[in-house]
Amino acid sequence: MKKILTVVTTALLVFTGGTVFADEWYITHEPASSEDFAHEQNVGAKMHQQAVQCLNVFGSRRVAELKKEFSGKLFITFFDPVRNATRLTMASKREAQKQIALAQHGGLELVLYGRHAQQHRRIQGLFQYDATWRAVLVPALTMTQPWFCGVFLHELFHASKDRKRVVEKRQRDTFLNPAWVDEEVRAHEFEREVLSAFTGGQYVHAVKAFIAHERDLRLRDIQATLQRRGFSAFDQLFSPASENEMSIRRAQVLVDATFLFVEKEGGGIEEKREAYISIFKKNRR
């Protein structure tokens, strides 16, 4: 069934600089042979396992809530850019029926897309939650586990919030209105929590150290200051990564530095909301 797009995106901007590697996509073209379909099945199994591992990364309250809601309910489909639709690629009819049952009874669809689909009009950010499909679109791309989990759980947070809206028969928040932005702020703060857990708190320490080091730092100067100083203090906490992942990293560091600076200055959600909108409008691709 063809679906219409309503999307929440994660990737805000692209920074350059730092050590990057060529993106390694697991899927580069539409399957045209039995070997292609077998490869797609293997990719689906691998990425399903990676997603499930994110729900067991650490025992925070938010992760525990998502684990309770989605454990055993994640299933993989593949994006078909020609038909603007999704498909199941399964090894057996029995496995396909199991996936269909999940789709019909509260499962969450993880739609994998390949390099060849990256420029499709549906793909608005590297990862995204599509509220109309009620699915998370995930790139079939190699990523380090901390950042895959950080971004994936960010989108799972959106999925959970959207499900609650559906149950309560509330309208979805419109793009960039206060409630929409507030949810995005919370999702980024959750992502920061995940990254901090992977690094034993060193990630947040590095962001706070950046803020403390810069005398007379002003909110509007944070992005330019980060670009001037570079990101080595953050990059050294994680393994080297591809260009796409480095883009996500730069965006998240900027958001985290901004929000933690707002907190340092005594600000709250309203100030974070204003700061996020400013970042978004300045850097939106």
C-alpha atoms as a PDB file:
ATOM      1  CA  MET A   1       0.000   0.000   0.000  1.00  0.00           C
ATOM      2  CA  LYS A   2       1.331   3.403  -0.945  1.00  0.00           C
ATOM      3  CA  LYS A   3       1.905   5.747   1.977  1.00  0.00           C
ATOM      4  CA  ILE A   4       2.015   9.523   2.310  1.00  0.00           C
ATOM      5  CA  LEU A   5       4.859  11.186   4.151  1.00  0.00           C
ATOM      6  CA  THR A   6       4.696  12.920   7.506  1.00  0.00           C
ATOM      7  CA  VAL A   7       8.128  12.964   9.028  1.00  0.00           C
ATOM      8  CA  VAL A   8      10.207  13.906  12.043  1.00  0.00           C
ATOM      9  CA  THR A   9      13.883  14.177  11.106  1.00  0.00           C
ATOM     10  CA  THR A  10      17.011  13.828  13.166  1.00  0.00           C
ATOM     11  CA  ALA A  11      19.816  15.203  10.983  1.00  0.00           C
ATOM     12  CA  LEU A  12      19.903  18.997  11.165  1.00  0.00           C
ATOM     13  CA  LEU A  13      23.086  19.959   9.420  1.00  0.00           C
ATOM     14  CA  VAL A  14      26.386  18.904   7.961  1.00  0.00           C
ATOM     15  CA  PHE A  15      29.656  20.000   9.502  1.00  0.00           C
ATOM     16  CA  THR A  16      32.947  19.238   7.815  1.00  0.00           C
ATOM     17  CA  GLY A  17      36.263  18.369   9.371  1.00  0.00           C
ATOM     18  CA  GLY A  18      37.721  15.519  11.382  1.00  0.00           C
ATOM     19  CA  THR A  19      38.728  12.037  10.254  1.00  0.00           C
ATOM     20  CA  VAL A  20      36.030  10.511   8.096  1.00  0.00           C
ATOM     21  CA  PHE A  21      35.755   7.371   6.000  1.00  0.00           C
ATOM     22  CA  ALA A  22      33.740   6.626   2.903  1.00  0.00           C
ATOM     23  CA  ASP A  23      30.195   5.547   3.726  1.00  0.00           C
ATOM     24  CA  GLU A  24      29.773   1.784   3.615  1.00  0.00           C
ATOM     25  CA  TRP A  25      26.235   0.872   2.600  1.00  0.00           C
ATOM     26  CA  TYR A  26      24.994  -2.676   3.088  1.00  0.00           C
ATOM     27  CA  ILE A  27      22.463  -2.134   0.300  1.00  0.00           C
ATOM     28  CA  THR A  28      23.335  -0.231  -2.881  1.00  0.00           C
ATOM     29  CA  HIS A  29      20.635  -1.225  -5.392  1.00  0.00           C
ATOM     30  CA  GLU A  30      17.249  -2.860  -5.712  1.00  0.00           C
ATOM     31  CA  PRO A  31      17.449  -6.666  -5.541  1.00  0.00           C
ATOM     32  CA  ALA A  32      17.343  -8.331  -8.936  1.00  0.00           C
ATOM     33  CA  SER A  33      18.486 -11.875  -8.209  1.00  0.00           C
ATOM     34  CA  SER A  34      18.147 -14.603  -5.608  1.00  0.00           C
ATOM     35  CA  GLU A  35      21.603 -13.647  -4.347  1.00  0.00           C
ATOM     36  CA  ASP A  36      20.464 -10.039  -3.906  1.00  0.00           C
ATOM     37  CA  PHE A  37      17.402 -11.109  -1.922  1.00  0.00           C
ATOM     38  CA  ALA A  38      19.510 -13.442   0.238  1.00  0.00           C
ATOM     39  CA  HIS A  39      21.888 -10.547   0.938  1.00  0.00           C
ATOM     40  CA  GLU A  40      18.932  -8.322   1.835  1.00  0.00           C
ATOM     41  CA  GLN A  41      17.661 -10.939   4.281  1.00  0.00           C
ATOM     42  CA  ASN A  42      21.078 -11.089   5.958  1.00  0.00           C
ATOM     43  CA  VAL A  43      21.235  -7.301   6.207  1.00  0.00           C
ATOM     44  CA  GLY A  44      17.762  -7.233   7.738  1.00  0.00           C
ATOM     45  CA  ALA A  45      18.738  -9.819  10.361  1.00  0.00           C
ATOM     46  CA  LYS A  46      21.948  -7.964  11.201  1.00  0.00           C
ATOM     47  CA  MET A  47      20.268  -4.604  11.607  1.00  0.00           C
ATOM     48  CA  HIS A  48      17.364  -6.046  13.566  1.00  0.00           C
ATOM     49  CA  GLN A  49      19.899  -7.474  16.013  1.00  0.00           C
ATOM     50  CA  GLN A  50      21.674  -4.110  16.219  1.00  0.00           C
ATOM     51  CA  ALA A  51      18.387  -2.354  16.986  1.00  0.00           C
ATOM     52  CA  VAL A  52      17.431  -4.887  19.660  1.00  0.00           C
ATOM     53  CA  GLN A  53      20.828  -4.459  21.315  1.00  0.00           C
ATOM     54  CA  CYS A  54      20.092  -0.754  21.717  1.00  0.00           C
ATOM     55  CA  LEU A  55      17.171  -1.601  24.009  1.00  0.00           C
ATOM     56  CA  ASN A  56      19.600  -3.419  26.296  1.00  0.00           C
ATOM     57  CA  VAL A  57      22.361  -0.806  26.281  1.00  0.00           C
ATOM     58  CA  PHE A  58      21.829   0.444  29.827  1.00  0.00           C
ATOM     59  CA  GLY A  59      19.174   0.580  32.496  1.00  0.00           C
ATOM     60  CA  SER A  60      17.854   4.119  32.407  1.00  0.00           C
ATOM     61  CA  ARG A  61      14.171   4.780  32.996  1.00  0.00           C
ATOM     62  CA  ARG A  62      13.581   5.951  29.435  1.00  0.00           C
ATOM     63  CA  VAL A  63      15.296   2.961  27.860  1.00  0.00           C
ATOM     64  CA  ALA A  64      13.413   0.628  30.197  1.00  0.00           C
ATOM     65  CA  GLU A  65      10.117   2.182  29.109  1.00  0.00           C
ATOM     66  CA  LEU A  66      10.979   1.790  25.425  1.00  0.00           C
ATOM     67  CA  LYS A  67      12.126  -1.776  26.011  1.00  0.00           C
ATOM     68  CA  LYS A  68       8.832  -2.616  27.679  1.00  0.00           C
ATOM     69  CA  GLU A  69       6.901  -1.049  24.807  1.00  0.00           C
ATOM     70  CA  PHE A  70       8.892  -2.380  21.851  1.00  0.00           C
ATOM     71  CA  SER A  71      10.788  -5.497  22.960  1.00  0.00           C
ATOM     72  CA  GLY A  72       9.852  -8.364  20.652  1.00  0.00           C
ATOM     73  CA  LYS A  73       7.834  -5.999  18.461  1.00  0.00           C
ATOM     74  CA  LEU A  74      10.434  -4.616  16.054  1.00  0.00           C
ATOM     75  CA  PHE A  75      10.271  -5.964  12.522  1.00  0.00           C
ATOM     76  CA  ILE A  76      12.208  -5.173   9.367  1.00  0.00           C
ATOM     77  CA  THR A  77      10.918  -4.150   5.954  1.00  0.00           C
ATOM     78  CA  PHE A  78      12.724  -2.646   2.977  1.00  0.00           C
ATOM     79  CA  PHE A  79      12.014   0.609   1.187  1.00  0.00           C
ATOM     80  CA  ASP A  80      11.162   0.358  -2.503  1.00  0.00           C
ATOM     81  CA  PRO A  81      11.948   3.806  -3.977  1.00  0.00           C
ATOM     82  CA  VAL A  82      10.271   3.023  -7.299  1.00  0.00           C
ATOM     83  CA  ARG A  83       6.878   2.314  -5.730  1.00  0.00           C
ATOM     84  CA  ASN A  84       7.393   4.579  -2.700  1.00  0.00           C
ATOM     85  CA  ALA A  85       6.352   1.621  -0.566  1.00  0.00           C
ATOM     86  CA  THR A  86       7.810  -1.085   1.651  1.00  0.00           C
ATOM     87  CA  ARG A  87       8.246  -4.808   1.145  1.00  0.00           C
ATOM     88  CA  LEU A  88       9.035  -7.875   3.222  1.00  0.00           C
ATOM     89  CA  THR A  89      12.013  -9.971   2.198  1.00  0.00           C
ATOM     90  CA  MET A  90      11.816 -13.184   4.158  1.00  0.00           C
ATOM     91  CA  ALA A  91      13.404 -16.613   3.854  1.00  0.00           C
ATOM     92  CA  SER A  92      10.127 -18.484   4.314  1.00  0.00           C
ATOM     93  CA  LYS A  93       6.367 -18.049   4.187  1.00  0.00           C
ATOM     94  CA  ARG A  94       6.192 -18.839   7.902  1.00  0.00           C
ATOM     95  CA  GLU A  95       8.632 -16.046   8.726  1.00  0.00           C
ATOM     96  CA  ALA A  96       6.698 -13.639   6.523  1.00  0.00           C
ATOM     97  CA  GLN A  97       3.451 -14.528   8.296  1.00  0.00           C
ATOM     98  CA  LYS A  98       5.125 -13.889  11.636  1.00  0.00           C
ATOM     99  CA  GLN A  99       6.199 -10.427  10.476  1.00  0.00           C
ATOM    100  CA  ILE A 100       2.744  -9.639   9.113  1.00  0.00           C
ATOM    101  CA  ALA A 101       1.224 -10.647  12.462  1.00  0.00           C
ATOM    102  CA  LEU A 102       3.563  -8.219  14.214  1.00  0.00           C
ATOM    103  CA  ALA A 103       2.515  -5.472  11.827  1.00  0.00           C
ATOM    104  CA  GLN A 104      -1.138  -6.131  12.605  1.00  0.00           C
ATOM    105  CA  HIS A 105      -0.742  -6.381  16.375  1.00  0.00           C
ATOM    106  CA  GLY A 106       1.297  -3.473  17.655  1.00  0.00           C
ATOM    107  CA  GLY A 107       4.670  -4.105  16.053  1.00  0.00           C
ATOM    108  CA  LEU A 108       6.932  -1.271  14.993  1.00  0.00           C
ATOM    109  CA  GLU A 109       8.194  -1.309  11.422  1.00  0.00           C
ATOM    110  CA  LEU A 110      11.858  -0.484  10.811  1.00  0.00           C
ATOM    111  CA  VAL A 111      12.158   0.412   7.138  1.00  0.00           C
ATOM    112  CA  LEU A 112      15.675  -0.091   5.790  1.00  0.00           C
ATOM    113  CA  TYR A 113      16.757   1.895   2.761  1.00  0.00           C
ATOM    114  CA  GLY A 114      19.908   1.673   0.660  1.00  0.00           C
ATOM    115  CA  ARG A 115      22.315   4.090  -0.949  1.00  0.00           C
ATOM    116  CA  HIS A 116      20.326   4.102  -4.183  1.00  0.00           C
ATOM    117  CA  ALA A 117      17.281   5.471  -2.319  1.00  0.00           C
ATOM    118  CA  GLN A 118      19.114   8.200  -0.409  1.00  0.00           C
ATOM    119  CA  GLN A 119      17.979  10.972  -2.770  1.00  0.00           C
ATOM    120  CA  HIS A 120      14.330   9.881  -2.800  1.00  0.00           C
ATOM    121  CA  ARG A 121      11.943  12.650  -1.757  1.00  0.00           C
ATOM    122  CA  ARG A 122      10.785  10.533   1.200  1.00  0.00           C
ATOM    123  CA  ILE A 123      14.237  10.470   2.769  1.00  0.00           C
ATOM    124  CA  GLN A 124      14.320  13.788   4.621  1.00  0.00           C
ATOM    125  CA  GLY A 125      17.015  12.889   7.135  1.00  0.00           C
ATOM    126  CA  LEU A 126      19.406   9.990   7.629  1.00  0.00           C
ATOM    127  CA  PHE A 127      17.117   8.518  10.304  1.00  0.00           C
ATOM    128  CA  GLN A 128      13.511   9.576  10.630  1.00  0.00           C
ATOM    129  CA  TYR A 129      10.227   8.646  12.227  1.00  0.00           C
ATOM    130  CA  ASP A 130       7.396   8.651   9.711  1.00  0.00           C
ATOM    131  CA  ALA A 131       4.175   9.295  11.611  1.00  0.00           C
ATOM    132  CA  THR A 132       1.871   8.367   8.730  1.00  0.00           C
ATOM    133  CA  TRP A 133       3.604   5.047   8.146  1.00  0.00           C
ATOM    134  CA  ARG A 134       4.148   4.761  11.916  1.00  0.00           C
ATOM    135  CA  ALA A 135       7.592   3.459  11.098  1.00  0.00           C
ATOM    136  CA  VAL A 136      11.238   4.351  11.630  1.00  0.00           C
ATOM    137  CA  LEU A 137      13.256   4.778   8.430  1.00  0.00           C
ATOM    138  CA  VAL A 138      16.792   3.480   8.981  1.00  0.00           C
ATOM    139  CA  PRO A 139      19.764   3.670   6.591  1.00  0.00           C
ATOM    140  CA  ALA A 140      21.327   0.304   5.750  1.00  0.00           C
ATOM    141  CA  LEU A 141      24.678   1.836   6.603  1.00  0.00           C
ATOM    142  CA  THR A 142      27.591   0.917   8.834  1.00  0.00           C
ATOM    143  CA  MET A 143      27.679   3.008  12.008  1.00  0.00           C
ATOM    144  CA  THR A 144      29.400   2.805  15.364  1.00  0.00           C
ATOM    145  CA  GLN A 145      27.119   1.289  17.973  1.00  0.00           C
ATOM    146  CA  PRO A 146      26.969   4.313  20.331  1.00  0.00           C
ATOM    147  CA  TRP A 147      25.780   6.620  17.592  1.00  0.00           C
ATOM    148  CA  PHE A 148      23.482   4.110  15.940  1.00  0.00           C
ATOM    149  CA  CYS A 149      21.816   3.528  19.310  1.00  0.00           C
ATOM    150  CA  GLY A 150      21.725   7.218  20.156  1.00  0.00           C
ATOM    151  CA  VAL A 151      19.922   8.159  16.953  1.00  0.00           C
ATOM    152  CA  PHE A 152      17.789   5.023  16.791  1.00  0.00           C
ATOM    153  CA  LEU A 153      16.520   5.470  20.352  1.00  0.00           C
ATOM    154  CA  HIS A 154      15.900   9.154  19.572  1.00  0.00           C
ATOM    155  CA  GLU A 155      13.522   8.035  16.805  1.00  0.00           C
ATOM    156  CA  LEU A 156      12.002   5.325  19.006  1.00  0.00           C
ATOM    157  CA  PHE A 157      11.211   8.089  21.494  1.00  0.00           C
ATOM    158  CA  HIS A 158       9.218   9.843  18.743  1.00  0.00           C
ATOM    159  CA  ALA A 159       7.480   6.587  17.855  1.00  0.00           C
ATOM    160  CA  SER A 160       6.422   6.068  21.464  1.00  0.00           C
ATOM    161  CA  LYS A 161       5.101   9.604  21.784  1.00  0.00           C
ATOM    162  CA  ASP A 162       3.167   9.242  18.546  1.00  0.00           C
ATOM    163  CA  ARG A 163       1.566   5.994  19.678  1.00  0.00           C
ATOM    164  CA  LYS A 164       0.347   7.705  22.818  1.00  0.00           C
ATOM    165  CA  ARG A 165      -1.179  10.470  20.706  1.00  0.00           C
ATOM    166  CA  VAL A 166      -3.012   7.891  18.599  1.00  0.00           C
ATOM    167  CA  VAL A 167      -4.371   6.059  21.666  1.00  0.00           C
ATOM    168  CA  GLU A 168      -5.493   9.334  23.229  1.00  0.00           C
ATOM    169  CA  LYS A 169      -6.934  10.499  19.873  1.00  0.00           C
ATOM    170  CA  ARG A 170      -4.891  13.694  19.952  1.00  0.00           C
ATOM    171  CA  GLN A 171      -3.824  15.508  16.824  1.00  0.00           C
ATOM    172  CA  ARG A 172      -0.174  15.410  15.868  1.00  0.00           C
ATOM    173  CA  ASP A 173       1.771  18.570  16.578  1.00  0.00           C
ATOM    174  CA  THR A 174       2.427  20.763  13.570  1.00  0.00           C
ATOM    175  CA  PHE A 175       5.954  21.369  12.352  1.00  0.00           C
ATOM    176  CA  LEU A 176       7.974  23.773  14.555  1.00  0.00           C
ATOM    177  CA  ASN A 177       5.070  24.610  16.860  1.00  0.00           C
ATOM    178  CA  PRO A 178       6.010  24.688  20.583  1.00  0.00           C
ATOM    179  CA  ALA A 179       4.884  21.130  21.368  1.00  0.00           C
ATOM    180  CA  TRP A 180       6.714  19.739  18.300  1.00  0.00           C
ATOM    181  CA  VAL A 181       9.917  21.506  19.287  1.00  0.00           C
ATOM    182  CA  ASP A 182       9.610  20.479  22.940  1.00  0.00           C
ATOM    183  CA  GLU A 183       9.427  16.829  21.890  1.00  0.00           C
ATOM    184  CA  GLU A 184      12.488  17.289  19.695  1.00  0.00           C
ATOM    185  CA  VAL A 185      14.366  18.877  22.604  1.00  0.00           C
ATOM    186  CA  ARG A 186      13.521  15.897  24.833  1.00  0.00           C
ATOM    187  CA  ALA A 187      14.543  13.435  22.121  1.00  0.00           C
ATOM    188  CA  HIS A 188      17.944  15.094  21.716  1.00  0.00           C
ATOM    189  CA  GLU A 189      18.442  15.130  25.478  1.00  0.00           C
ATOM    190  CA  PHE A 190      17.623  11.428  25.525  1.00  0.00           C
ATOM    191  CA  GLU A 191      20.181  10.870  22.766  1.00  0.00           C
ATOM    192  CA  ARG A 192      22.741  12.685  24.912  1.00  0.00           C
ATOM    193  CA  GLU A 193      21.888  10.372  27.798  1.00  0.00           C
ATOM    194  CA  VAL A 194      22.568   7.338  25.594  1.00  0.00           C
ATOM    195  CA  LEU A 195      25.915   8.712  24.383  1.00  0.00           C
ATOM    196  CA  SER A 196      26.900   9.527  27.944  1.00  0.00           C
ATOM    197  CA  ALA A 197      26.095   5.967  29.030  1.00  0.00           C
ATOM    198  CA  PHE A 198      28.280   4.520  26.258  1.00  0.00           C
ATOM    199  CA  THR A 199      31.217   6.684  27.339  1.00  0.00           C
ATOM    200  CA  GLY A 200      30.842   6.436  31.105  1.00  0.00           C
ATOM    201  CA  GLY A 201      29.836  10.086  31.314  1.00  0.00           C
ATOM    202  CA  GLN A 202      32.832  11.339  29.318  1.00  0.00           C
ATOM    203  CA  TYR A 203      30.721  12.696  26.461  1.00  0.00           C
ATOM    204  CA  VAL A 204      28.750  15.099  28.668  1.00  0.00           C
ATOM    205  CA  HIS A 205      31.945  16.007  30.501  1.00  0.00           C
ATOM    206  CA  ALA A 206      33.567  16.962  27.167  1.00  0.00           C
ATOM    207  CA  VAL A 207      30.612  19.167  26.195  1.00  0.00           C
ATOM    208  CA  LYS A 208      30.613  20.921  29.564  1.00  0.00           C
ATOM    209  CA  ALA A 209      34.392  21.362  29.364  1.00  0.00           C
ATOM    210  CA  PHE A 210      33.990  23.083  25.998  1.00  0.00           C
ATOM    211  CA  ILE A 211      31.478  25.517  27.512  1.00  0.00           C
ATOM    212  CA  ALA A 212      33.660  26.189  30.569  1.00  0.00           C
ATOM    213  CA  HIS A 213      36.792  26.715  28.468  1.00  0.00           C
ATOM    214  CA  GLU A 214      35.314  29.494  26.347  1.00  0.00           C
ATOM    215  CA  ARG A 215      35.290  32.745  28.293  1.00  0.00           C
ATOM    216  CA  ASP A 216      32.494  35.166  27.422  1.00  0.00           C
ATOM    217  CA  LEU A 217      30.816  32.522  25.250  1.00  0.00           C
ATOM    218  CA  ARG A 218      27.462  33.662  23.880  1.00  0.00           C
ATOM    219  CA  LEU A 219      24.627  31.435  22.746  1.00  0.00           C
ATOM    220  CA  ARG A 220      24.671  32.702  19.187  1.00  0.00           C
ATOM    221  CA  ASP A 221      28.434  32.037  18.921  1.00  0.00           C
ATOM    222  CA  ILE A 222      28.409  28.352  19.933  1.00  0.00           C
ATOM    223  CA  GLN A 223      28.274  26.928  16.413  1.00  0.00           C
ATOM    224  CA  ALA A 224      31.042  29.168  15.071  1.00  0.00           C
ATOM    225  CA  THR A 225      33.170  28.432  18.148  1.00  0.00           C
ATOM    226  CA  LEU A 226      32.758  24.679  17.699  1.00  0.00           C
ATOM    227  CA  GLN A 227      33.752  24.939  14.059  1.00  0.00           C
ATOM    228  CA  ARG A 228      36.776  27.051  14.951  1.00  0.00           C
ATOM    229  CA  ARG A 229      37.979  24.804  17.774  1.00  0.00           C
ATOM    230  CA  GLY A 230      37.216  21.518  16.062  1.00  0.00           C
ATOM    231  CA  PHE A 231      35.684  18.345  17.429  1.00  0.00           C
ATOM    232  CA  SER A 232      38.697  16.264  18.452  1.00  0.00           C
ATOM    233  CA  ALA A 233      37.695  16.302  22.133  1.00  0.00           C
ATOM    234  CA  PHE A 234      34.448  14.564  21.167  1.00  0.00           C
ATOM    235  CA  ASP A 235      35.755  12.386  18.338  1.00  0.00           C
ATOM    236  CA  GLN A 236      38.380  10.745  20.542  1.00  0.00           C
ATOM    237  CA  LEU A 237      35.598   9.248  22.647  1.00  0.00           C
ATOM    238  CA  PHE A 238      34.335   7.164  19.722  1.00  0.00           C
ATOM    239  CA  SER A 239      35.710   5.076  16.879  1.00  0.00           C
ATOM    240  CA  PRO A 240      36.343   6.757  13.508  1.00  0.00           C
ATOM    241  CA  ALA A 241      33.226   6.995  11.383  1.00  0.00           C
ATOM    242  CA  SER A 242      31.815   7.636   7.946  1.00  0.00           C
ATOM    243  CA  GLU A 243      30.837  11.009   6.547  1.00  0.00           C
ATOM    244  CA  ASN A 244      27.132  10.473   7.247  1.00  0.00           C
ATOM    245  CA  GLU A 245      27.764   9.531  10.854  1.00  0.00           C
ATOM    246  CA  MET A 246      30.144  12.444  11.360  1.00  0.00           C
ATOM    247  CA  SER A 247      27.373  14.742  10.147  1.00  0.00           C
ATOM    248  CA  ILE A 248      25.061  13.379  12.835  1.00  0.00           C
ATOM    249  CA  ARG A 249      27.771  13.711  15.470  1.00  0.00           C
ATOM    250  CA  ARG A 250      28.421  17.354  14.666  1.00  0.00           C
ATOM    251  CA  ALA A 251      24.741  18.192  14.802  1.00  0.00           C
ATOM    252  CA  GLN A 252      24.244  16.465  18.160  1.00  0.00           C
ATOM    253  CA  VAL A 253      27.308  18.099  19.721  1.00  0.00           C
ATOM    254  CA  LEU A 254      25.980  21.499  18.655  1.00  0.00           C
ATOM    255  CA  VAL A 255      22.551  20.780  20.139  1.00  0.00           C
ATOM    256  CA  ASP A 256      24.042  19.430  23.372  1.00  0.00           C
ATOM    257  CA  ALA A 257      26.401  22.376  23.776  1.00  0.00           C
ATOM    258  CA  THR A 258      23.501  24.734  23.181  1.00  0.00           C
ATOM    259  CA  PHE A 259      21.145  23.082  25.674  1.00  0.00           C
ATOM    260  CA  LEU A 260      23.791  22.684  28.370  1.00  0.00           C
ATOM    261  CA  PHE A 261      24.798  26.321  27.910  1.00  0.00           C
ATOM    262  CA  VAL A 262      21.152  27.341  28.330  1.00  0.00           C
ATOM    263  CA  GLU A 263      20.996  25.316  31.559  1.00  0.00           C
ATOM    264  CA  LYS A 264      24.249  26.885  32.802  1.00  0.00           C
ATOM    265  CA  GLU A 265      22.682  30.313  32.255  1.00  0.00           C
ATOM    266  CA  GLY A 266      19.588  29.319  34.248  1.00  0.00           C
ATOM    267  CA  GLY A 267      17.311  28.778  31.252  1.00  0.00           C
ATOM    268  CA  GLY A 268      14.668  26.085  30.823  1.00  0.00           C
ATOM    269  CA  ILE A 269      12.507  24.532  28.159  1.00  0.00           C
ATOM    270  CA  GLU A 270      11.373  27.852  26.670  1.00  0.00           C
ATOM    271  CA  GLU A 271      14.942  29.019  26.119  1.00  0.00           C
ATOM    272  CA  LYS A 272      15.917  25.617  24.721  1.00  0.00           C
ATOM    273  CA  ARG A 273      12.936  25.755  22.382  1.00  0.00           C
ATOM    274  CA  GLU A 274      13.985  29.144  21.037  1.00  0.00           C
ATOM    275  CA  ALA A 275      17.590  28.009  20.669  1.00  0.00           C
ATOM    276  CA  TYR A 276      16.578  24.829  18.832  1.00  0.00           C
ATOM    277  CA  ILE A 277      14.405  26.725  16.359  1.00  0.00           C
ATOM    278  CA  SER A 278      17.316  29.076  15.711  1.00  0.00           C
ATOM    279  CA  ILE A 279      19.669  26.152  15.020  1.00  0.00           C
ATOM    280  CA  PHE A 280      17.102  24.412  12.853  1.00  0.00           C
ATOM    281  CA  LYS A 281      16.387  27.439  10.676  1.00  0.00           C
ATOM    282  CA  LYS A 282      20.069  28.233  10.295  1.00  0.00           C
ATOM    283  CA  ASN A 283      21.171  24.739   9.328  1.00  0.00           C
ATOM    284  CA  ARG A 284      18.193  22.963   7.822  1.00  0.00           C
ATOM    285  CA  ARG A 285      19.148  21.421   4.503  1.00  0.00           C
END
